[in-house]
Amino acid sequence: MGKRNAVRLTEPLVRDRGTLRPASWDEALERATTGLQAAIDKRGPRTFGLFSCSKATNEVNYLAQKFTRTVIGCNNIDSCNRT
């Protein structure tokens, strides 16, 4: 699909029994939080990893590493800024 034919999402979608449906932001964020917490509870915080982009601003990359380290509780964060 080319850029001219691309469809942009305007609301969050959640999956129910294999089918995506529109949802509120509160429901989508609650599901994301529940899913992350379930994975951490089952296998520990090292089950999570975040890959950040070197083209993002320093502020965005700082927030990404801060989230990974303080909220999730692991150091599994990397970016593609090695040259």
PDB file of N, CA and C in Angstrom:
ATOM      1  N   MET A   1       0.841  -1.168   0.000  1.00  0.00           N
ATOM      2  CA  MET A   1       0.000   0.000   0.000  1.00  0.00           C
ATOM      3  C   MET A   1       0.897   1.245   0.000  1.00  0.00           C
ATOM      4  N   GLY A   2       0.731   2.091  -0.960  1.00  0.00           N
ATOM      5  CA  GLY A   2       1.528   3.302  -1.040  1.00  0.00           C
ATOM      6  C   GLY A   2       1.065   4.344  -0.046  1.00  0.00           C
ATOM      7  N   LYS A   3       1.870   5.392   0.103  1.00  0.00           N
ATOM      8  CA  LYS A   3       1.523   6.442   1.067  1.00  0.00           C
ATOM      9  C   LYS A   3       0.188   7.095   0.735  1.00  0.00           C
ATOM     10  N   ARG A   4      -0.110   7.231  -0.534  1.00  0.00           N
ATOM     11  CA  ARG A   4      -1.355   7.896  -0.920  1.00  0.00           C
ATOM     12  C   ARG A   4      -2.576   7.060  -0.549  1.00  0.00           C
ATOM     13  N   ASN A   5      -2.416   5.753  -0.453  1.00  0.00           N
ATOM     14  CA  ASN A   5      -3.536   4.887  -0.123  1.00  0.00           C
ATOM     15  C   ASN A   5      -3.531   4.439   1.331  1.00  0.00           C
ATOM     16  N   ALA A   6      -2.565   4.881   2.097  1.00  0.00           N
ATOM     17  CA  ALA A   6      -2.440   4.439   3.487  1.00  0.00           C
ATOM     18  C   ALA A   6      -3.592   4.988   4.317  1.00  0.00           C
ATOM     19  N   VAL A   7      -4.042   4.169   5.252  1.00  0.00           N
ATOM     20  CA  VAL A   7      -5.100   4.574   6.167  1.00  0.00           C
ATOM     21  C   VAL A   7      -4.463   4.811   7.526  1.00  0.00           C
ATOM     22  N   ARG A   8      -4.727   5.954   8.097  1.00  0.00           N
ATOM     23  CA  ARG A   8      -4.152   6.307   9.390  1.00  0.00           C
ATOM     24  C   ARG A   8      -5.153   5.993  10.497  1.00  0.00           C
ATOM     25  N   LEU A   9      -4.653   5.349  11.561  1.00  0.00           N
ATOM     26  CA  LEU A   9      -5.523   5.083  12.698  1.00  0.00           C
ATOM     27  C   LEU A   9      -5.855   6.380  13.415  1.00  0.00           C
ATOM     28  N   THR A  10      -7.104   6.526  13.806  1.00  0.00           N
ATOM     29  CA  THR A  10      -7.533   7.730  14.517  1.00  0.00           C
ATOM     30  C   THR A  10      -8.056   7.424  15.914  1.00  0.00           C
ATOM     31  N   GLU A  11      -8.119   6.132  16.249  1.00  0.00           N
ATOM     32  CA  GLU A  11      -8.560   5.715  17.570  1.00  0.00           C
ATOM     33  C   GLU A  11      -7.877   4.393  17.908  1.00  0.00           C
ATOM     34  N   PRO A  12      -7.758   4.075  19.186  1.00  0.00           N
ATOM     35  CA  PRO A  12      -7.129   2.811  19.553  1.00  0.00           C
ATOM     36  C   PRO A  12      -7.998   1.624  19.154  1.00  0.00           C
ATOM     37  N   LEU A  13      -7.327   0.504  18.891  1.00  0.00           N
ATOM     38  CA  LEU A  13      -8.013  -0.744  18.586  1.00  0.00           C
ATOM     39  C   LEU A  13      -7.581  -1.789  19.594  1.00  0.00           C
ATOM     40  N   VAL A  14      -8.495  -2.642  20.022  1.00  0.00           N
ATOM     41  CA  VAL A  14      -8.178  -3.761  20.901  1.00  0.00           C
ATOM     42  C   VAL A  14      -8.674  -5.038  20.240  1.00  0.00           C
ATOM     43  N   ARG A  15      -8.066  -6.143  20.608  1.00  0.00           N
ATOM     44  CA  ARG A  15      -8.419  -7.426  20.002  1.00  0.00           C
ATOM     45  C   ARG A  15      -9.334  -8.207  20.947  1.00  0.00           C
ATOM     46  N   ASP A  16     -10.492  -8.600  20.434  1.00  0.00           N
ATOM     47  CA  ASP A  16     -11.423  -9.465  21.149  1.00  0.00           C
ATOM     48  C   ASP A  16     -11.663 -10.711  20.313  1.00  0.00           C
ATOM     49  N   ARG A  17     -11.281 -11.877  20.853  1.00  0.00           N
ATOM     50  CA  ARG A  17     -11.439 -13.160  20.163  1.00  0.00           C
ATOM     51  C   ARG A  17     -10.915 -13.098  18.733  1.00  0.00           C
ATOM     52  N   GLY A  18      -9.748 -12.475  18.552  1.00  0.00           N
ATOM     53  CA  GLY A  18      -9.086 -12.445  17.253  1.00  0.00           C
ATOM     54  C   GLY A  18      -9.513 -11.329  16.325  1.00  0.00           C
ATOM     55  N   THR A  19     -10.454 -10.503  16.736  1.00  0.00           N
ATOM     56  CA  THR A  19     -10.949  -9.422  15.883  1.00  0.00           C
ATOM     57  C   THR A  19     -10.652  -8.073  16.534  1.00  0.00           C
ATOM     58  N   LEU A  20     -10.132  -7.142  15.732  1.00  0.00           N
ATOM     59  CA  LEU A  20      -9.871  -5.801  16.245  1.00  0.00           C
ATOM     60  C   LEU A  20     -11.163  -4.995  16.259  1.00  0.00           C
ATOM     61  N   ARG A  21     -11.317  -4.220  17.335  1.00  0.00           N
ATOM     62  CA  ARG A  21     -12.467  -3.322  17.429  1.00  0.00           C
ATOM     63  C   ARG A  21     -12.027  -2.001  18.049  1.00  0.00           C
ATOM     64  N   PRO A  22     -12.731  -0.917  17.732  1.00  0.00           N
ATOM     65  CA  PRO A  22     -12.401   0.380  18.335  1.00  0.00           C
ATOM     66  C   PRO A  22     -12.618   0.337  19.848  1.00  0.00           C
ATOM     67  N   ALA A  23     -11.782   1.086  20.556  1.00  0.00           N
ATOM     68  CA  ALA A  23     -11.880   1.152  22.014  1.00  0.00           C
ATOM     69  C   ALA A  23     -11.549   2.561  22.475  1.00  0.00           C
ATOM     70  N   SER A  24     -11.886   2.850  23.707  1.00  0.00           N
ATOM     71  CA  SER A  24     -11.515   4.136  24.292  1.00  0.00           C
ATOM     72  C   SER A  24     -10.030   4.107  24.643  1.00  0.00           C
ATOM     73  N   TRP A  25      -9.457   5.288  24.837  1.00  0.00           N
ATOM     74  CA  TRP A  25      -8.047   5.347  25.239  1.00  0.00           C
ATOM     75  C   TRP A  25      -7.867   4.699  26.604  1.00  0.00           C
ATOM     76  N   ASP A  26      -8.816   4.902  27.500  1.00  0.00           N
ATOM     77  CA  ASP A  26      -8.701   4.309  28.837  1.00  0.00           C
ATOM     78  C   ASP A  26      -8.663   2.783  28.759  1.00  0.00           C
ATOM     79  N   GLU A  27      -9.540   2.190  27.937  1.00  0.00           N
ATOM     80  CA  GLU A  27      -9.543   0.732  27.815  1.00  0.00           C
ATOM     81  C   GLU A  27      -8.252   0.224  27.177  1.00  0.00           C
ATOM     82  N   ALA A  28      -7.794   0.891  26.123  1.00  0.00           N
ATOM     83  CA  ALA A  28      -6.575   0.462  25.433  1.00  0.00           C
ATOM     84  C   ALA A  28      -5.361   0.547  26.355  1.00  0.00           C
ATOM     85  N   LEU A  29      -5.234   1.634  27.101  1.00  0.00           N
ATOM     86  CA  LEU A  29      -4.110   1.780  28.025  1.00  0.00           C
ATOM     87  C   LEU A  29      -4.197   0.770  29.168  1.00  0.00           C
ATOM     88  N   GLU A  30      -5.401   0.493  29.649  1.00  0.00           N
ATOM     89  CA  GLU A  30      -5.585  -0.510  30.700  1.00  0.00           C
ATOM     90  C   GLU A  30      -5.169  -1.894  30.205  1.00  0.00           C
ATOM     91  N   ARG A  31      -5.532  -2.229  28.983  1.00  0.00           N
ATOM     92  CA  ARG A  31      -5.130  -3.525  28.421  1.00  0.00           C
ATOM     93  C   ARG A  31      -3.616  -3.607  28.242  1.00  0.00           C
ATOM     94  N   ALA A  32      -3.011  -2.536  27.781  1.00  0.00           N
ATOM     95  CA  ALA A  32      -1.555  -2.535  27.618  1.00  0.00           C
ATOM     96  C   ALA A  32      -0.868  -2.699  28.977  1.00  0.00           C
ATOM     97  N   THR A  33      -1.345  -1.975  29.969  1.00  0.00           N
ATOM     98  CA  THR A  33      -0.785  -2.060  31.318  1.00  0.00           C
ATOM     99  C   THR A  33      -0.950  -3.466  31.885  1.00  0.00           C
ATOM    100  N   THR A  34      -2.125  -4.029  31.729  1.00  0.00           N
ATOM    101  CA  THR A  34      -2.400  -5.376  32.233  1.00  0.00           C
ATOM    102  C   THR A  34      -1.511  -6.407  31.550  1.00  0.00           C
ATOM    103  N   GLY A  35      -1.339  -6.274  30.232  1.00  0.00           N
ATOM    104  CA  GLY A  35      -0.489  -7.209  29.497  1.00  0.00           C
ATOM    105  C   GLY A  35       0.968  -7.134  29.909  1.00  0.00           C
ATOM    106  N   LEU A  36       1.494  -5.916  30.046  1.00  0.00           N
ATOM    107  CA  LEU A  36       2.875  -5.759  30.491  1.00  0.00           C
ATOM    108  C   LEU A  36       3.066  -6.313  31.903  1.00  0.00           C
ATOM    109  N   GLN A  37       2.129  -5.999  32.798  1.00  0.00           N
ATOM    110  CA  GLN A  37       2.247  -6.471  34.174  1.00  0.00           C
ATOM    111  C   GLN A  37       2.153  -7.987  34.246  1.00  0.00           C
ATOM    112  N   ALA A  38       1.296  -8.599  33.437  1.00  0.00           N
ATOM    113  CA  ALA A  38       1.175 -10.056  33.430  1.00  0.00           C
ATOM    114  C   ALA A  38       2.477 -10.711  32.965  1.00  0.00           C
ATOM    115  N   ALA A  39       3.109 -10.157  31.943  1.00  0.00           N
ATOM    116  CA  ALA A  39       4.381 -10.705  31.452  1.00  0.00           C
ATOM    117  C   ALA A  39       5.474 -10.561  32.506  1.00  0.00           C
ATOM    118  N   ILE A  40       5.517  -9.416  33.171  1.00  0.00           N
ATOM    119  CA  ILE A  40       6.525  -9.186  34.214  1.00  0.00           C
ATOM    120  C   ILE A  40       6.280 -10.118  35.400  1.00  0.00           C
ATOM    121  N   ASP A  41       5.014 -10.287  35.795  1.00  0.00           N
ATOM    122  CA  ASP A  41       4.690 -11.180  36.912  1.00  0.00           C
ATOM    123  C   ASP A  41       5.055 -12.630  36.590  1.00  0.00           C
ATOM    124  N   LYS A  42       4.844 -13.040  35.355  1.00  0.00           N
ATOM    125  CA  LYS A  42       5.079 -14.430  34.969  1.00  0.00           C
ATOM    126  C   LYS A  42       6.561 -14.745  34.800  1.00  0.00           C
ATOM    127  N   ARG A  43       7.323 -13.834  34.176  1.00  0.00           N
ATOM    128  CA  ARG A  43       8.705 -14.140  33.828  1.00  0.00           C
ATOM    129  C   ARG A  43       9.737 -13.151  34.358  1.00  0.00           C
ATOM    130  N   GLY A  44       9.287 -12.142  35.081  1.00  0.00           N
ATOM    131  CA  GLY A  44      10.213 -11.156  35.633  1.00  0.00           C
ATOM    132  C   GLY A  44      10.416  -9.976  34.687  1.00  0.00           C
ATOM    133  N   PRO A  45      10.988  -8.886  35.198  1.00  0.00           N
ATOM    134  CA  PRO A  45      11.141  -7.678  34.389  1.00  0.00           C
ATOM    135  C   PRO A  45      12.098  -7.840  33.209  1.00  0.00           C
ATOM    136  N   ARG A  46      12.990  -8.831  33.261  1.00  0.00           N
ATOM    137  CA  ARG A  46      13.921  -9.008  32.145  1.00  0.00           C
ATOM    138  C   ARG A  46      13.241  -9.567  30.903  1.00  0.00           C
ATOM    139  N   THR A  47      11.957  -9.906  31.009  1.00  0.00           N
ATOM    140  CA  THR A  47      11.211 -10.360  29.844  1.00  0.00           C
ATOM    141  C   THR A  47      10.922  -9.202  28.888  1.00  0.00           C
ATOM    142  N   PHE A  48      11.088  -7.981  29.374  1.00  0.00           N
ATOM    143  CA  PHE A  48      10.791  -6.766  28.610  1.00  0.00           C
ATOM    144  C   PHE A  48      12.064  -6.215  27.993  1.00  0.00           C
ATOM    145  N   GLY A  49      11.949  -5.657  26.806  1.00  0.00           N
ATOM    146  CA  GLY A  49      13.050  -4.945  26.172  1.00  0.00           C
ATOM    147  C   GLY A  49      12.499  -3.811  25.338  1.00  0.00           C
ATOM    148  N   LEU A  50      13.244  -2.741  25.221  1.00  0.00           N
ATOM    149  CA  LEU A  50      12.803  -1.600  24.437  1.00  0.00           C
ATOM    150  C   LEU A  50      13.910  -1.205  23.479  1.00  0.00           C
ATOM    151  N   PHE A  51      13.556  -0.983  22.239  1.00  0.00           N
ATOM    152  CA  PHE A  51      14.495  -0.520  21.230  1.00  0.00           C
ATOM    153  C   PHE A  51      14.102   0.896  20.854  1.00  0.00           C
ATOM    154  N   SER A  52      15.000   1.830  21.063  1.00  0.00           N
ATOM    155  CA  SER A  52      14.744   3.236  20.797  1.00  0.00           C
ATOM    156  C   SER A  52      15.484   3.667  19.531  1.00  0.00           C
ATOM    157  N   CYS A  53      15.028   4.712  18.910  1.00  0.00           N
ATOM    158  CA  CYS A  53      15.598   5.163  17.645  1.00  0.00           C
ATOM    159  C   CYS A  53      16.591   6.305  17.852  1.00  0.00           C
ATOM    160  N   SER A  54      17.724   6.215  17.195  1.00  0.00           N
ATOM    161  CA  SER A  54      18.724   7.270  17.319  1.00  0.00           C
ATOM    162  C   SER A  54      18.271   8.569  16.642  1.00  0.00           C
ATOM    163  N   LYS A  55      17.260   8.501  15.795  1.00  0.00           N
ATOM    164  CA  LYS A  55      16.755   9.715  15.147  1.00  0.00           C
ATOM    165  C   LYS A  55      15.746  10.458  16.014  1.00  0.00           C
ATOM    166  N   ALA A  56      15.347   9.841  17.113  1.00  0.00           N
ATOM    167  CA  ALA A  56      14.450  10.519  18.048  1.00  0.00           C
ATOM    168  C   ALA A  56      15.239  11.579  18.809  1.00  0.00           C
ATOM    169  N   THR A  57      14.524  12.480  19.438  1.00  0.00           N
ATOM    170  CA  THR A  57      15.200  13.526  20.210  1.00  0.00           C
ATOM    171  C   THR A  57      15.826  12.927  21.463  1.00  0.00           C
ATOM    172  N   ASN A  58      16.772  13.645  22.037  1.00  0.00           N
ATOM    173  CA  ASN A  58      17.387  13.211  23.288  1.00  0.00           C
ATOM    174  C   ASN A  58      16.336  13.062  24.381  1.00  0.00           C
ATOM    175  N   GLU A  59      15.342  13.944  24.378  1.00  0.00           N
ATOM    176  CA  GLU A  59      14.303  13.894  25.391  1.00  0.00           C
ATOM    177  C   GLU A  59      13.471  12.607  25.275  1.00  0.00           C
ATOM    178  N   VAL A  60      13.125  12.222  24.049  1.00  0.00           N
ATOM    179  CA  VAL A  60      12.354  10.994  23.840  1.00  0.00           C
ATOM    180  C   VAL A  60      13.177   9.779  24.254  1.00  0.00           C
ATOM    181  N   ASN A  61      14.437   9.743  23.867  1.00  0.00           N
ATOM    182  CA  ASN A  61      15.294   8.625  24.255  1.00  0.00           C
ATOM    183  C   ASN A  61      15.506   8.584  25.771  1.00  0.00           C
ATOM    184  N   TYR A  62      15.605   9.733  26.405  1.00  0.00           N
ATOM    185  CA  TYR A  62      15.724   9.782  27.860  1.00  0.00           C
ATOM    186  C   TYR A  62      14.476   9.199  28.514  1.00  0.00           C
ATOM    187  N   LEU A  63      13.297   9.602  28.037  1.00  0.00           N
ATOM    188  CA  LEU A  63      12.055   9.076  28.594  1.00  0.00           C
ATOM    189  C   LEU A  63      11.936   7.568  28.383  1.00  0.00           C
ATOM    190  N   ALA A  64      12.386   7.079  27.232  1.00  0.00           N
ATOM    191  CA  ALA A  64      12.338   5.645  26.953  1.00  0.00           C
ATOM    192  C   ALA A  64      13.195   4.868  27.958  1.00  0.00           C
ATOM    193  N   GLN A  65      14.427   5.344  28.185  1.00  0.00           N
ATOM    194  CA  GLN A  65      15.279   4.620  29.129  1.00  0.00           C
ATOM    195  C   GLN A  65      14.782   4.777  30.557  1.00  0.00           C
ATOM    196  N   LYS A  66      14.230   5.939  30.898  1.00  0.00           N
ATOM    197  CA  LYS A  66      13.705   6.154  32.239  1.00  0.00           C
ATOM    198  C   LYS A  66      12.513   5.230  32.503  1.00  0.00           C
ATOM    199  N   PHE A  67      11.623   5.096  31.524  1.00  0.00           N
ATOM    200  CA  PHE A  67      10.479   4.201  31.639  1.00  0.00           C
ATOM    201  C   PHE A  67      10.941   2.756  31.825  1.00  0.00           C
ATOM    202  N   THR A  68      11.880   2.329  30.978  1.00  0.00           N
ATOM    203  CA  THR A  68      12.352   0.944  31.038  1.00  0.00           C
ATOM    204  C   THR A  68      13.001   0.638  32.378  1.00  0.00           C
ATOM    205  N   ARG A  69      13.802   1.565  32.875  1.00  0.00           N
ATOM    206  CA  ARG A  69      14.543   1.303  34.107  1.00  0.00           C
ATOM    207  C   ARG A  69      13.703   1.480  35.362  1.00  0.00           C
ATOM    208  N   THR A  70      12.860   2.502  35.416  1.00  0.00           N
ATOM    209  CA  THR A  70      12.132   2.770  36.661  1.00  0.00           C
ATOM    210  C   THR A  70      10.758   2.106  36.714  1.00  0.00           C
ATOM    211  N   VAL A  71      10.031   2.100  35.626  1.00  0.00           N
ATOM    212  CA  VAL A  71       8.684   1.517  35.631  1.00  0.00           C
ATOM    213  C   VAL A  71       8.748   0.007  35.461  1.00  0.00           C
ATOM    214  N   ILE A  72       9.490  -0.455  34.453  1.00  0.00           N
ATOM    215  CA  ILE A  72       9.574  -1.889  34.190  1.00  0.00           C
ATOM    216  C   ILE A  72      10.560  -2.554  35.143  1.00  0.00           C
ATOM    217  N   GLY A  73      11.677  -1.909  35.416  1.00  0.00           N
ATOM    218  CA  GLY A  73      12.645  -2.452  36.358  1.00  0.00           C
ATOM    219  C   GLY A  73      13.752  -3.264  35.715  1.00  0.00           C
ATOM    220  N   CYS A  74      14.101  -2.939  34.482  1.00  0.00           N
ATOM    221  CA  CYS A  74      15.212  -3.648  33.834  1.00  0.00           C
ATOM    222  C   CYS A  74      16.051  -2.653  33.023  1.00  0.00           C
ATOM    223  N   ASN A  75      17.192  -3.107  32.568  1.00  0.00           N
ATOM    224  CA  ASN A  75      18.072  -2.268  31.769  1.00  0.00           C
ATOM    225  C   ASN A  75      18.097  -2.687  30.292  1.00  0.00           C
ATOM    226  N   ASN A  76      17.106  -3.450  29.857  1.00  0.00           N
ATOM    227  CA  ASN A  76      17.072  -3.951  28.490  1.00  0.00           C
ATOM    228  C   ASN A  76      16.574  -2.875  27.524  1.00  0.00           C
ATOM    229  N   ILE A  77      17.446  -1.916  27.245  1.00  0.00           N
ATOM    230  CA  ILE A  77      17.120  -0.852  26.310  1.00  0.00           C
ATOM    231  C   ILE A  77      18.311  -0.664  25.387  1.00  0.00           C
ATOM    232  N   ASP A  78      18.033  -0.466  24.119  1.00  0.00           N
ATOM    233  CA  ASP A  78      19.093  -0.306  23.138  1.00  0.00           C
ATOM    234  C   ASP A  78      18.604   0.673  22.069  1.00  0.00           C
ATOM    235  N   SER A  79      19.538   1.174  21.305  1.00  0.00           N
ATOM    236  CA  SER A  79      19.175   2.028  20.170  1.00  0.00           C
ATOM    237  C   SER A  79      20.166   1.767  19.038  1.00  0.00           C
ATOM    238  N   CYS A  80      19.865   2.323  17.904  1.00  0.00           N
ATOM    239  CA  CYS A  80      20.676   2.059  16.713  1.00  0.00           C
ATOM    240  C   CYS A  80      21.692   3.171  16.450  1.00  0.00           C
ATOM    241  N   ASN A  81      22.148   3.824  17.508  1.00  0.00           N
ATOM    242  CA  ASN A  81      23.029   4.980  17.294  1.00  0.00           C
ATOM    243  C   ASN A  81      24.519   4.638  17.349  1.00  0.00           C
ATOM    244  N   ARG A  82      24.869   3.387  17.081  1.00  0.00           N
ATOM    245  CA  ARG A  82      26.293   3.025  17.017  1.00  0.00           C
ATOM    246  C   ARG A  82      26.791   3.171  15.582  1.00  0.00           C
ATOM    247  N   THR A  83      27.882   3.860  15.425  1.00  0.00           N
ATOM    248  CA  THR A  83      28.478   3.976  14.078  1.00  0.00           C
ATOM    249  C   THR A  83      29.966   3.745  14.158  1.00  0.00           C
TER     250      THR A  83
END
